[in-house]
């Protein structure tokens, strides 16, 4: 299940996707930060595609997506709809608990330090 941090009327929320789509329909989403959990070996041709598709949908409705994450040498997959800037970054934090569980805590800490100031700024 995908979840997001959302800036909504100067509050940071952590909501399941279904709640966000309901909020999105009302047009009050301002800024979002996405993270995705995938398996880059088992689904190497579709790694985190849903995160990219969700970002596209929110951006098409006027939301600003923050929290890009580098596609560095630690990742190994064939394709992903979550990539931006010629494949240099993911649209959000890319996690893989199946193949890289040991990297999750460090990635999450670094990403939260990056996005929380943006999401809580007034």
PDB file of N, CA and C in Angstrom:
ATOM      1  N   UNK A   1       0.834  -1.178   0.000  1.00  0.00           N
ATOM      2  CA  UNK A   1       0.000   0.000   0.000  1.00  0.00           C
ATOM      3  C   UNK A   1       0.877   1.239   0.000  1.00  0.00           C
ATOM      4  N   UNK A   2       0.563   2.180  -0.852  1.00  0.00           N
ATOM      5  CA  UNK A   2       1.316   3.418  -0.909  1.00  0.00           C
ATOM      6  C   UNK A   2       0.742   4.408   0.094  1.00  0.00           C
ATOM      7  N   UNK A   3       1.630   5.163   0.697  1.00  0.00           N
ATOM      8  CA  UNK A   3       1.235   6.245   1.588  1.00  0.00           C
ATOM      9  C   UNK A   3       2.050   7.461   1.210  1.00  0.00           C
ATOM     10  N   UNK A   4       1.615   8.619   1.664  1.00  0.00           N
ATOM     11  CA  UNK A   4       2.312   9.854   1.339  1.00  0.00           C
ATOM     12  C   UNK A   4       2.310  10.794   2.520  1.00  0.00           C
ATOM     13  N   UNK A   5       3.334  11.640   2.547  1.00  0.00           N
ATOM     14  CA  UNK A   5       3.291  12.807   3.409  1.00  0.00           C
ATOM     15  C   UNK A   5       2.628  13.888   2.580  1.00  0.00           C
ATOM     16  N   UNK A   6       1.763  14.652   3.188  1.00  0.00           N
ATOM     17  CA  UNK A   6       1.052  15.685   2.450  1.00  0.00           C
ATOM     18  C   UNK A   6       1.065  16.986   3.232  1.00  0.00           C
ATOM     19  N   UNK A   7       1.299  18.072   2.527  1.00  0.00           N
ATOM     20  CA  UNK A   7       1.157  19.390   3.118  1.00  0.00           C
ATOM     21  C   UNK A   7      -0.264  19.837   2.851  1.00  0.00           C
ATOM     22  N   UNK A   8      -1.048  19.951   3.884  1.00  0.00           N
ATOM     23  CA  UNK A   8      -2.453  20.292   3.740  1.00  0.00           C
ATOM     24  C   UNK A   8      -2.802  21.345   4.782  1.00  0.00           C
ATOM     25  N   UNK A   9      -3.045  22.556   4.321  1.00  0.00           N
ATOM     26  CA  UNK A   9      -3.378  23.658   5.221  1.00  0.00           C
ATOM     27  C   UNK A   9      -2.359  23.766   6.357  1.00  0.00           C
ATOM     28  N   UNK A  10      -1.085  23.817   5.982  1.00  0.00           N
ATOM     29  CA  UNK A  10       0.024  23.989   6.922  1.00  0.00           C
ATOM     30  C   UNK A  10       0.194  22.846   7.916  1.00  0.00           C
ATOM     31  N   UNK A  11      -0.260  21.669   7.571  1.00  0.00           N
ATOM     32  CA  UNK A  11      -0.065  20.509   8.432  1.00  0.00           C
ATOM     33  C   UNK A  11       0.519  19.380   7.601  1.00  0.00           C
ATOM     34  N   UNK A  12       1.424  18.626   8.188  1.00  0.00           N
ATOM     35  CA  UNK A  12       1.982  17.467   7.510  1.00  0.00           C
ATOM     36  C   UNK A  12       1.151  16.263   7.904  1.00  0.00           C
ATOM     37  N   UNK A  13       0.635  15.577   6.910  1.00  0.00           N
ATOM     38  CA  UNK A  13      -0.184  14.403   7.136  1.00  0.00           C
ATOM     39  C   UNK A  13       0.479  13.182   6.517  1.00  0.00           C
ATOM     40  N   UNK A  14       0.235  12.049   7.082  1.00  0.00           N
ATOM     41  CA  UNK A  14       0.731  10.783   6.572  1.00  0.00           C
ATOM     42  C   UNK A  14      -0.498   9.934   6.331  1.00  0.00           C
ATOM     43  N   UNK A  15      -0.903   9.816   5.065  1.00  0.00           N
ATOM     44  CA  UNK A  15      -2.192   9.215   4.746  1.00  0.00           C
ATOM     45  C   UNK A  15      -2.071   8.050   3.782  1.00  0.00           C
ATOM     46  N   UNK A  16      -2.962   7.068   3.903  1.00  0.00           N
ATOM     47  CA  UNK A  16      -3.016   6.030   2.877  1.00  0.00           C
ATOM     48  C   UNK A  16      -3.524   6.627   1.571  1.00  0.00           C
ATOM     49  N   UNK A  17      -3.154   6.012   0.469  1.00  0.00           N
ATOM     50  CA  UNK A  17      -3.493   6.543  -0.849  1.00  0.00           C
ATOM     51  C   UNK A  17      -4.980   6.803  -1.046  1.00  0.00           C
ATOM     52  N   UNK A  18      -5.843   5.946  -0.566  1.00  0.00           N
ATOM     53  CA  UNK A  18      -7.282   6.140  -0.800  1.00  0.00           C
ATOM     54  C   UNK A  18      -7.748   7.464  -0.217  1.00  0.00           C
ATOM     55  N   UNK A  19      -7.242   7.828   0.960  1.00  0.00           N
ATOM     56  CA  UNK A  19      -7.617   9.109   1.567  1.00  0.00           C
ATOM     57  C   UNK A  19      -7.119  10.266   0.721  1.00  0.00           C
ATOM     58  N   UNK A  20      -5.914  10.129   0.178  1.00  0.00           N
ATOM     59  CA  UNK A  20      -5.370  11.207  -0.629  1.00  0.00           C
ATOM     60  C   UNK A  20      -6.139  11.417  -1.913  1.00  0.00           C
ATOM     61  N   UNK A  21      -6.606  10.362  -2.523  1.00  0.00           N
ATOM     62  CA  UNK A  21      -7.389  10.539  -3.738  1.00  0.00           C
ATOM     63  C   UNK A  21      -8.700  11.256  -3.441  1.00  0.00           C
ATOM     64  N   UNK A  22      -9.278  11.017  -2.288  1.00  0.00           N
ATOM     65  CA  UNK A  22     -10.489  11.745  -1.910  1.00  0.00           C
ATOM     66  C   UNK A  22     -10.180  13.219  -1.697  1.00  0.00           C
ATOM     67  N   UNK A  23      -9.065  13.513  -1.033  1.00  0.00           N
ATOM     68  CA  UNK A  23      -8.649  14.898  -0.834  1.00  0.00           C
ATOM     69  C   UNK A  23      -8.319  15.541  -2.179  1.00  0.00           C
ATOM     70  N   UNK A  24      -7.650  14.816  -3.045  1.00  0.00           N
ATOM     71  CA  UNK A  24      -7.274  15.322  -4.358  1.00  0.00           C
ATOM     72  C   UNK A  24      -8.495  15.724  -5.175  1.00  0.00           C
ATOM     73  N   UNK A  25      -9.547  14.945  -5.092  1.00  0.00           N
ATOM     74  CA  UNK A  25     -10.762  15.254  -5.834  1.00  0.00           C
ATOM     75  C   UNK A  25     -11.350  16.590  -5.409  1.00  0.00           C
ATOM     76  N   UNK A  26     -11.099  16.993  -4.184  1.00  0.00           N
ATOM     77  CA  UNK A  26     -11.609  18.272  -3.691  1.00  0.00           C
ATOM     78  C   UNK A  26     -10.682  19.435  -4.033  1.00  0.00           C
ATOM     79  N   UNK A  27      -9.517  19.135  -4.605  1.00  0.00           N
ATOM     80  CA  UNK A  27      -8.617  20.175  -5.083  1.00  0.00           C
ATOM     81  C   UNK A  27      -7.853  20.924  -4.019  1.00  0.00           C
ATOM     82  N   UNK A  28      -7.577  20.318  -2.878  1.00  0.00           N
ATOM     83  CA  UNK A  28      -6.890  21.052  -1.813  1.00  0.00           C
ATOM     84  C   UNK A  28      -5.478  20.550  -1.541  1.00  0.00           C
ATOM     85  N   UNK A  29      -4.952  19.673  -2.371  1.00  0.00           N
ATOM     86  CA  UNK A  29      -3.574  19.210  -2.229  1.00  0.00           C
ATOM     87  C   UNK A  29      -2.642  20.301  -2.731  1.00  0.00           C
ATOM     88  N   UNK A  30      -1.599  20.613  -1.966  1.00  0.00           N
ATOM     89  CA  UNK A  30      -0.623  21.613  -2.375  1.00  0.00           C
ATOM     90  C   UNK A  30       0.709  20.956  -2.720  1.00  0.00           C
ATOM     91  N   UNK A  31       1.293  20.265  -1.762  1.00  0.00           N
ATOM     92  CA  UNK A  31       2.618  19.681  -1.928  1.00  0.00           C
ATOM     93  C   UNK A  31       2.610  18.269  -1.363  1.00  0.00           C
ATOM     94  N   UNK A  32       3.195  17.342  -2.116  1.00  0.00           N
ATOM     95  CA  UNK A  32       3.274  15.963  -1.641  1.00  0.00           C
ATOM     96  C   UNK A  32       4.697  15.439  -1.791  1.00  0.00           C
ATOM     97  N   UNK A  33       5.029  14.452  -0.971  1.00  0.00           N
ATOM     98  CA  UNK A  33       6.294  13.733  -1.072  1.00  0.00           C
ATOM     99  C   UNK A  33       5.942  12.250  -1.097  1.00  0.00           C
ATOM    100  N   UNK A  34       6.460  11.548  -2.085  1.00  0.00           N
ATOM    101  CA  UNK A  34       6.135  10.138  -2.270  1.00  0.00           C
ATOM    102  C   UNK A  34       7.298   9.239  -1.883  1.00  0.00           C
ATOM    103  N   UNK A  35       6.958   8.051  -1.424  1.00  0.00           N
ATOM    104  CA  UNK A  35       7.961   6.995  -1.339  1.00  0.00           C
ATOM    105  C   UNK A  35       7.326   5.722  -1.843  1.00  0.00           C
ATOM    106  N   UNK A  36       8.145   4.863  -2.405  1.00  0.00           N
ATOM    107  CA  UNK A  36       7.648   3.608  -2.937  1.00  0.00           C
ATOM    108  C   UNK A  36       8.457   2.449  -2.404  1.00  0.00           C
ATOM    109  N   UNK A  37       7.799   1.328  -2.276  1.00  0.00           N
ATOM    110  CA  UNK A  37       8.432   0.098  -1.824  1.00  0.00           C
ATOM    111  C   UNK A  37       8.290  -0.921  -2.930  1.00  0.00           C
ATOM    112  N   UNK A  38       9.414  -1.384  -3.470  1.00  0.00           N
ATOM    113  CA  UNK A  38       9.373  -2.314  -4.586  1.00  0.00           C
ATOM    114  C   UNK A  38      10.439  -3.380  -4.489  1.00  0.00           C
ATOM    115  N   UNK A  39      10.485  -4.225  -5.491  1.00  0.00           N
ATOM    116  CA  UNK A  39      11.452  -5.327  -5.586  1.00  0.00           C
ATOM    117  C   UNK A  39      12.156  -5.190  -6.934  1.00  0.00           C
ATOM    118  N   UNK A  40      13.368  -4.650  -6.913  1.00  0.00           N
ATOM    119  CA  UNK A  40      14.058  -4.357  -8.167  1.00  0.00           C
ATOM    120  C   UNK A  40      14.613  -5.590  -8.869  1.00  0.00           C
ATOM    121  N   UNK A  41      14.646  -6.726  -8.215  1.00  0.00           N
ATOM    122  CA  UNK A  41      15.053  -7.960  -8.887  1.00  0.00           C
ATOM    123  C   UNK A  41      13.845  -8.726  -9.416  1.00  0.00           C
ATOM    124  N   UNK A  42      12.822  -8.873  -8.599  1.00  0.00           N
ATOM    125  CA  UNK A  42      11.627  -9.615  -9.005  1.00  0.00           C
ATOM    126  C   UNK A  42      10.756  -8.875 -10.007  1.00  0.00           C
ATOM    127  N   UNK A  43      10.795  -7.557  -9.966  1.00  0.00           N
ATOM    128  CA  UNK A  43       9.986  -6.722 -10.861  1.00  0.00           C
ATOM    129  C   UNK A  43      10.876  -5.681 -11.525  1.00  0.00           C
ATOM    130  N   UNK A  44      11.995  -6.124 -12.059  1.00  0.00           N
ATOM    131  CA  UNK A  44      12.992  -5.200 -12.595  1.00  0.00           C
ATOM    132  C   UNK A  44      12.520  -4.395 -13.800  1.00  0.00           C
ATOM    133  N   UNK A  45      11.510  -4.859 -14.516  1.00  0.00           N
ATOM    134  CA  UNK A  45      10.995  -4.105 -15.661  1.00  0.00           C
ATOM    135  C   UNK A  45       9.897  -3.112 -15.256  1.00  0.00           C
ATOM    136  N   UNK A  46       9.468  -3.165 -14.000  1.00  0.00           N
ATOM    137  CA  UNK A  46       8.370  -2.319 -13.518  1.00  0.00           C
ATOM    138  C   UNK A  46       8.689  -1.700 -12.163  1.00  0.00           C
ATOM    139  N   UNK A  47       9.948  -1.594 -11.806  1.00  0.00           N
ATOM    140  CA  UNK A  47      10.331  -1.161 -10.463  1.00  0.00           C
ATOM    141  C   UNK A  47       9.716   0.196 -10.118  1.00  0.00           C
ATOM    142  N   UNK A  48       8.841   0.203  -9.151  1.00  0.00           N
ATOM    143  CA  UNK A  48       8.182   1.398  -8.626  1.00  0.00           C
ATOM    144  C   UNK A  48       7.386   2.189  -9.661  1.00  0.00           C
ATOM    145  N   UNK A  49       6.880   1.505 -10.679  1.00  0.00           N
ATOM    146  CA  UNK A  49       6.051   2.179 -11.683  1.00  0.00           C
ATOM    147  C   UNK A  49       4.878   2.920 -11.046  1.00  0.00           C
ATOM    148  N   UNK A  50       4.250   2.320 -10.066  1.00  0.00           N
ATOM    149  CA  UNK A  50       3.074   2.952  -9.453  1.00  0.00           C
ATOM    150  C   UNK A  50       3.408   4.302  -8.840  1.00  0.00           C
ATOM    151  N   UNK A  51       4.587   4.439  -8.251  1.00  0.00           N
ATOM    152  CA  UNK A  51       4.973   5.721  -7.671  1.00  0.00           C
ATOM    153  C   UNK A  51       5.041   6.797  -8.765  1.00  0.00           C
ATOM    154  N   UNK A  52       5.587   6.451  -9.911  1.00  0.00           N
ATOM    155  CA  UNK A  52       5.636   7.401 -11.016  1.00  0.00           C
ATOM    156  C   UNK A  52       4.261   7.747 -11.547  1.00  0.00           C
ATOM    157  N   UNK A  53       3.390   6.750 -11.643  1.00  0.00           N
ATOM    158  CA  UNK A  53       2.032   6.986 -12.140  1.00  0.00           C
ATOM    159  C   UNK A  53       1.230   7.845 -11.163  1.00  0.00           C
ATOM    160  N   UNK A  54       1.414   7.621  -9.881  1.00  0.00           N
ATOM    161  CA  UNK A  54       0.732   8.430  -8.864  1.00  0.00           C
ATOM    162  C   UNK A  54       1.239   9.869  -8.927  1.00  0.00           C
ATOM    163  N   UNK A  55       2.539  10.049  -9.047  1.00  0.00           N
ATOM    164  CA  UNK A  55       3.097  11.399  -9.154  1.00  0.00           C
ATOM    165  C   UNK A  55       2.535  12.126 -10.372  1.00  0.00           C
ATOM    166  N   UNK A  56       2.474  11.438 -11.501  1.00  0.00           N
ATOM    167  CA  UNK A  56       1.925  12.048 -12.713  1.00  0.00           C
ATOM    168  C   UNK A  56       0.491  12.518 -12.495  1.00  0.00           C
ATOM    169  N   UNK A  57      -0.307  11.703 -11.836  1.00  0.00           N
ATOM    170  CA  UNK A  57      -1.711  12.047 -11.583  1.00  0.00           C
ATOM    171  C   UNK A  57      -1.825  13.277 -10.680  1.00  0.00           C
ATOM    172  N   UNK A  58      -1.053  13.302  -9.603  1.00  0.00           N
ATOM    173  CA  UNK A  58      -1.113  14.443  -8.696  1.00  0.00           C
ATOM    174  C   UNK A  58      -0.602  15.711  -9.376  1.00  0.00           C
ATOM    175  N   UNK A  59       0.478  15.605 -10.148  1.00  0.00           N
ATOM    176  CA  UNK A  59       0.998  16.774 -10.848  1.00  0.00           C
ATOM    177  C   UNK A  59       0.001  17.298 -11.876  1.00  0.00           C
ATOM    178  N   UNK A  60      -0.709  16.405 -12.541  1.00  0.00           N
ATOM    179  CA  UNK A  60      -1.690  16.838 -13.536  1.00  0.00           C
ATOM    180  C   UNK A  60      -2.848  17.592 -12.906  1.00  0.00           C
ATOM    181  N   UNK A  61      -3.016  17.421 -11.602  1.00  0.00           N
ATOM    182  CA  UNK A  61      -4.086  18.120 -10.882  1.00  0.00           C
ATOM    183  C   UNK A  61      -3.565  19.296 -10.068  1.00  0.00           C
ATOM    184  N   UNK A  62      -2.315  19.685 -10.328  1.00  0.00           N
ATOM    185  CA  UNK A  62      -1.792  20.901  -9.724  1.00  0.00           C
ATOM    186  C   UNK A  62      -0.944  20.731  -8.484  1.00  0.00           C
ATOM    187  N   UNK A  63      -0.731  19.527  -8.020  1.00  0.00           N
ATOM    188  CA  UNK A  63       0.104  19.322  -6.835  1.00  0.00           C
ATOM    189  C   UNK A  63       1.578  19.456  -7.205  1.00  0.00           C
ATOM    190  N   UNK A  64       2.370  19.880  -6.246  1.00  0.00           N
ATOM    191  CA  UNK A  64       3.817  19.927  -6.390  1.00  0.00           C
ATOM    192  C   UNK A  64       4.396  18.711  -5.693  1.00  0.00           C
ATOM    193  N   UNK A  65       5.221  17.950  -6.406  1.00  0.00           N
ATOM    194  CA  UNK A  65       5.845  16.755  -5.829  1.00  0.00           C
ATOM    195  C   UNK A  65       7.273  17.107  -5.444  1.00  0.00           C
ATOM    196  N   UNK A  66       7.620  16.871  -4.189  1.00  0.00           N
ATOM    197  CA  UNK A  66       8.970  17.118  -3.684  1.00  0.00           C
ATOM    198  C   UNK A  66       9.584  15.809  -3.208  1.00  0.00           C
ATOM    199  N   UNK A  67      10.874  15.828  -2.969  1.00  0.00           N
ATOM    200  CA  UNK A  67      11.525  14.661  -2.393  1.00  0.00           C
ATOM    201  C   UNK A  67      12.135  13.716  -3.395  1.00  0.00           C
ATOM    202  N   UNK A  68      12.644  14.247  -4.508  1.00  0.00           N
ATOM    203  CA  UNK A  68      13.320  13.379  -5.472  1.00  0.00           C
ATOM    204  C   UNK A  68      14.466  12.646  -4.791  1.00  0.00           C
ATOM    205  N   UNK A  69      14.749  11.447  -5.308  1.00  0.00           N
ATOM    206  CA  UNK A  69      15.785  10.608  -4.724  1.00  0.00           C
ATOM    207  C   UNK A  69      16.721  10.133  -5.829  1.00  0.00           C
ATOM    208  N   UNK A  70      18.049  10.160  -5.607  1.00  0.00           N
ATOM    209  CA  UNK A  70      18.983   9.784  -6.673  1.00  0.00           C
ATOM    210  C   UNK A  70      18.899   8.313  -7.066  1.00  0.00           C
ATOM    211  N   UNK A  71      18.965   8.075  -8.351  1.00  0.00           N
ATOM    212  CA  UNK A  71      19.088   6.724  -8.900  1.00  0.00           C
ATOM    213  C   UNK A  71      20.580   6.463  -9.024  1.00  0.00           C
ATOM    214  N   UNK A  72      21.167   5.963  -7.959  1.00  0.00           N
ATOM    215  CA  UNK A  72      22.616   5.768  -7.944  1.00  0.00           C
ATOM    216  C   UNK A  72      23.009   4.319  -8.212  1.00  0.00           C
ATOM    217  N   UNK A  73      24.274   4.018  -8.035  1.00  0.00           N
ATOM    218  CA  UNK A  73      24.801   2.688  -8.343  1.00  0.00           C
ATOM    219  C   UNK A  73      24.284   1.577  -7.442  1.00  0.00           C
ATOM    220  N   UNK A  74      23.577   1.920  -6.365  1.00  0.00           N
ATOM    221  CA  UNK A  74      23.031   0.879  -5.484  1.00  0.00           C
ATOM    222  C   UNK A  74      21.772   0.246  -6.054  1.00  0.00           C
ATOM    223  N   UNK A  75      21.164   0.863  -7.065  1.00  0.00           N
ATOM    224  CA  UNK A  75      19.956   0.316  -7.680  1.00  0.00           C
ATOM    225  C   UNK A  75      20.313  -0.462  -8.944  1.00  0.00           C
ATOM    226  N   UNK A  76      19.558  -1.546  -9.185  1.00  0.00           N
ATOM    227  CA  UNK A  76      19.784  -2.366 -10.380  1.00  0.00           C
ATOM    228  C   UNK A  76      18.441  -2.897 -10.882  1.00  0.00           C
ATOM    229  N   UNK A  77      17.932  -2.283 -11.954  1.00  0.00           N
ATOM    230  CA  UNK A  77      16.641  -2.661 -12.527  1.00  0.00           C
ATOM    231  C   UNK A  77      16.651  -2.271 -13.997  1.00  0.00           C
ATOM    232  N   UNK A  78      15.655  -2.722 -14.732  1.00  0.00           N
ATOM    233  CA  UNK A  78      15.593  -2.465 -16.171  1.00  0.00           C
ATOM    234  C   UNK A  78      14.867  -1.164 -16.489  1.00  0.00           C
ATOM    235  N   UNK A  79      13.702  -0.956 -15.881  1.00  0.00           N
ATOM    236  CA  UNK A  79      12.891   0.218 -16.203  1.00  0.00           C
ATOM    237  C   UNK A  79      12.017   0.611 -15.023  1.00  0.00           C
ATOM    238  N   UNK A  80      11.637   1.899 -14.991  1.00  0.00           N
ATOM    239  CA  UNK A  80      10.741   2.400 -13.953  1.00  0.00           C
ATOM    240  C   UNK A  80      10.060   3.679 -14.425  1.00  0.00           C
ATOM    241  N   UNK A  81       8.754   3.757 -14.242  1.00  0.00           N
ATOM    242  CA  UNK A  81       8.007   4.975 -14.542  1.00  0.00           C
ATOM    243  C   UNK A  81       8.211   6.025 -13.461  1.00  0.00           C
ATOM    244  N   UNK A  82       8.914   5.672 -12.402  1.00  0.00           N
ATOM    245  CA  UNK A  82       9.176   6.606 -11.306  1.00  0.00           C
ATOM    246  C   UNK A  82      10.419   7.461 -11.552  1.00  0.00           C
ATOM    247  N   UNK A  83      11.119   7.248 -12.659  1.00  0.00           N
ATOM    248  CA  UNK A  83      12.331   8.010 -12.942  1.00  0.00           C
ATOM    249  C   UNK A  83      12.018   9.346 -13.594  1.00  0.00           C
ATOM    250  N   UNK A  84      12.821  10.343 -13.245  1.00  0.00           N
ATOM    251  CA  UNK A  84      12.726  11.687 -13.819  1.00  0.00           C
ATOM    252  C   UNK A  84      14.130  12.136 -14.225  1.00  0.00           C
ATOM    253  N   UNK A  85      14.217  13.269 -14.900  1.00  0.00           N
ATOM    254  CA  UNK A  85      15.499  13.875 -15.286  1.00  0.00           C
ATOM    255  C   UNK A  85      16.416  12.874 -15.979  1.00  0.00           C
ATOM    256  N   UNK A  86      15.924  12.286 -17.060  1.00  0.00           N
ATOM    257  CA  UNK A  86      16.698  11.326 -17.855  1.00  0.00           C
ATOM    258  C   UNK A  86      17.183  10.133 -17.050  1.00  0.00           C
ATOM    259  N   UNK A  87      16.410   9.748 -16.054  1.00  0.00           N
ATOM    260  CA  UNK A  87      16.750   8.574 -15.261  1.00  0.00           C
ATOM    261  C   UNK A  87      17.680   8.826 -14.098  1.00  0.00           C
ATOM    262  N   UNK A  88      18.036  10.068 -13.856  1.00  0.00           N
ATOM    263  CA  UNK A  88      18.970  10.386 -12.776  1.00  0.00           C
ATOM    264  C   UNK A  88      18.344  10.334 -11.386  1.00  0.00           C
ATOM    265  N   UNK A  89      17.033  10.580 -11.289  1.00  0.00           N
ATOM    266  CA  UNK A  89      16.364  10.607  -9.984  1.00  0.00           C
ATOM    267  C   UNK A  89      15.009   9.899 -10.061  1.00  0.00           C
ATOM    268  N   UNK A  90      14.592   9.396  -8.913  1.00  0.00           N
ATOM    269  CA  UNK A  90      13.230   8.902  -8.752  1.00  0.00           C
ATOM    270  C   UNK A  90      12.366  10.072  -8.313  1.00  0.00           C
ATOM    271  N   UNK A  91      11.087  10.017  -8.587  1.00  0.00           N
ATOM    272  CA  UNK A  91      10.165  11.075  -8.199  1.00  0.00           C
ATOM    273  C   UNK A  91       9.993  11.145  -6.679  1.00  0.00           C
ATOM    274  N   UNK A  92      10.357  10.099  -5.987  1.00  0.00           N
ATOM    275  CA  UNK A  92      10.296  10.039  -4.530  1.00  0.00           C
ATOM    276  C   UNK A  92      11.309   9.029  -4.023  1.00  0.00           C
ATOM    277  N   UNK A  93      11.241   8.739  -2.746  1.00  0.00           N
ATOM    278  CA  UNK A  93      12.167   7.783  -2.139  1.00  0.00           C
ATOM    279  C   UNK A  93      11.892   6.374  -2.655  1.00  0.00           C
ATOM    280  N   UNK A  94      12.925   5.726  -3.160  1.00  0.00           N
ATOM    281  CA  UNK A  94      12.816   4.367  -3.692  1.00  0.00           C
ATOM    282  C   UNK A  94      13.402   3.378  -2.687  1.00  0.00           C
ATOM    283  N   UNK A  95      12.542   2.530  -2.154  1.00  0.00           N
ATOM    284  CA  UNK A  95      12.961   1.521  -1.173  1.00  0.00           C
ATOM    285  C   UNK A  95      12.764   0.125  -1.728  1.00  0.00           C
ATOM    286  N   UNK A  96      13.623  -0.798  -1.297  1.00  0.00           N
ATOM    287  CA  UNK A  96      13.521  -2.203  -1.695  1.00  0.00           C
ATOM    288  C   UNK A  96      13.832  -3.067  -0.476  1.00  0.00           C
ATOM    289  N   UNK A  97      12.796  -3.456   0.225  1.00  0.00           N
ATOM    290  CA  UNK A  97      12.942  -4.290   1.421  1.00  0.00           C
ATOM    291  C   UNK A  97      13.264  -5.738   1.081  1.00  0.00           C
ATOM    292  N   UNK A  98      13.048  -6.157  -0.157  1.00  0.00           N
ATOM    293  CA  UNK A  98      13.351  -7.529  -0.560  1.00  0.00           C
ATOM    294  C   UNK A  98      14.841  -7.726  -0.808  1.00  0.00           C
ATOM    295  N   UNK A  99      15.467  -6.781  -1.487  1.00  0.00           N
ATOM    296  CA  UNK A  99      16.861  -6.948  -1.905  1.00  0.00           C
ATOM    297  C   UNK A  99      17.839  -6.042  -1.164  1.00  0.00           C
ATOM    298  N   UNK A 100      17.348  -4.964  -0.568  1.00  0.00           N
ATOM    299  CA  UNK A 100      18.249  -3.994   0.065  1.00  0.00           C
ATOM    300  C   UNK A 100      17.725  -3.510   1.413  1.00  0.00           C
ATOM    301  N   UNK A 101      17.234  -4.419   2.191  1.00  0.00           N
ATOM    302  CA  UNK A 101      16.665  -4.070   3.497  1.00  0.00           C
ATOM    303  C   UNK A 101      17.655  -3.283   4.358  1.00  0.00           C
ATOM    304  N   UNK A 102      18.924  -3.616   4.251  1.00  0.00           N
ATOM    305  CA  UNK A 102      19.948  -2.968   5.078  1.00  0.00           C
ATOM    306  C   UNK A 102      20.146  -1.491   4.729  1.00  0.00           C
ATOM    307  N   UNK A 103      19.668  -1.040   3.584  1.00  0.00           N
ATOM    308  CA  UNK A 103      19.815   0.356   3.172  1.00  0.00           C
ATOM    309  C   UNK A 103      18.605   1.221   3.533  1.00  0.00           C
ATOM    310  N   UNK A 104      17.512   0.602   3.918  1.00  0.00           N
ATOM    311  CA  UNK A 104      16.255   1.338   4.127  1.00  0.00           C
ATOM    312  C   UNK A 104      16.351   2.398   5.209  1.00  0.00           C
ATOM    313  N   UNK A 105      16.868   2.068   6.362  1.00  0.00           N
ATOM    314  CA  UNK A 105      16.900   3.028   7.471  1.00  0.00           C
ATOM    315  C   UNK A 105      17.703   4.278   7.113  1.00  0.00           C
ATOM    316  N   UNK A 106      18.870   4.100   6.524  1.00  0.00           N
ATOM    317  CA  UNK A 106      19.689   5.247   6.127  1.00  0.00           C
ATOM    318  C   UNK A 106      19.032   6.093   5.053  1.00  0.00           C
ATOM    319  N   UNK A 107      18.445   5.432   4.060  1.00  0.00           N
ATOM    320  CA  UNK A 107      17.749   6.158   2.995  1.00  0.00           C
ATOM    321  C   UNK A 107      16.582   6.950   3.558  1.00  0.00           C
ATOM    322  N   UNK A 108      15.806   6.314   4.408  1.00  0.00           N
ATOM    323  CA  UNK A 108      14.636   6.976   4.980  1.00  0.00           C
ATOM    324  C   UNK A 108      15.030   8.179   5.830  1.00  0.00           C
ATOM    325  N   UNK A 109      16.044   8.038   6.654  1.00  0.00           N
ATOM    326  CA  UNK A 109      16.497   9.153   7.493  1.00  0.00           C
ATOM    327  C   UNK A 109      16.952  10.339   6.648  1.00  0.00           C
ATOM    328  N   UNK A 110      17.736  10.053   5.622  1.00  0.00           N
ATOM    329  CA  UNK A 110      18.244  11.118   4.752  1.00  0.00           C
ATOM    330  C   UNK A 110      17.107  11.793   3.987  1.00  0.00           C
ATOM    331  N   UNK A 111      16.154  10.991   3.489  1.00  0.00           N
ATOM    332  CA  UNK A 111      15.038  11.536   2.724  1.00  0.00           C
ATOM    333  C   UNK A 111      14.126  12.389   3.603  1.00  0.00           C
ATOM    334  N   UNK A 112      13.828  11.913   4.809  1.00  0.00           N
ATOM    335  CA  UNK A 112      12.973  12.692   5.716  1.00  0.00           C
ATOM    336  C   UNK A 112      13.618  14.024   6.082  1.00  0.00           C
ATOM    337  N   UNK A 113      14.929  14.019   6.281  1.00  0.00           N
ATOM    338  CA  UNK A 113      15.625  15.277   6.569  1.00  0.00           C
ATOM    339  C   UNK A 113      15.509  16.236   5.387  1.00  0.00           C
ATOM    340  N   UNK A 114      15.395  15.700   4.193  1.00  0.00           N
ATOM    341  CA  UNK A 114      15.254  16.516   2.982  1.00  0.00           C
ATOM    342  C   UNK A 114      13.825  17.041   2.814  1.00  0.00           C
ATOM    343  N   UNK A 115      12.819  16.200   3.023  1.00  0.00           N
ATOM    344  CA  UNK A 115      11.450  16.601   2.682  1.00  0.00           C
ATOM    345  C   UNK A 115      10.672  17.264   3.811  1.00  0.00           C
ATOM    346  N   UNK A 116      10.915  16.896   5.043  1.00  0.00           N
ATOM    347  CA  UNK A 116      10.119  17.474   6.125  1.00  0.00           C
ATOM    348  C   UNK A 116      10.245  18.998   6.228  1.00  0.00           C
ATOM    349  N   UNK A 117      11.431  19.578   6.072  1.00  0.00           N
ATOM    350  CA  UNK A 117      11.485  21.047   6.094  1.00  0.00           C
ATOM    351  C   UNK A 117      10.666  21.694   4.980  1.00  0.00           C
ATOM    352  N   UNK A 118      10.622  21.063   3.827  1.00  0.00           N
ATOM    353  CA  UNK A 118       9.853  21.597   2.706  1.00  0.00           C
ATOM    354  C   UNK A 118       8.353  21.479   3.002  1.00  0.00           C
ATOM    355  N   UNK A 119       7.954  20.338   3.542  1.00  0.00           N
ATOM    356  CA  UNK A 119       6.537  20.112   3.800  1.00  0.00           C
ATOM    357  C   UNK A 119       5.993  20.910   4.969  1.00  0.00           C
ATOM    358  N   UNK A 120       6.870  21.281   5.890  1.00  0.00           N
ATOM    359  CA  UNK A 120       6.404  22.024   7.059  1.00  0.00           C
ATOM    360  C   UNK A 120       6.632  23.529   6.945  1.00  0.00           C
ATOM    361  N   UNK A 121       7.289  23.976   5.871  1.00  0.00           N
ATOM    362  CA  UNK A 121       7.529  25.411   5.679  1.00  0.00           C
ATOM    363  C   UNK A 121       6.202  26.118   5.440  1.00  0.00           C
ATOM    364  N   UNK A 122       6.096  27.296   5.956  1.00  0.00           N
ATOM    365  CA  UNK A 122       4.844  28.052   5.764  1.00  0.00           C
ATOM    366  C   UNK A 122       5.011  29.149   4.769  1.00  0.00           C
TER     367      UNK A 122
END
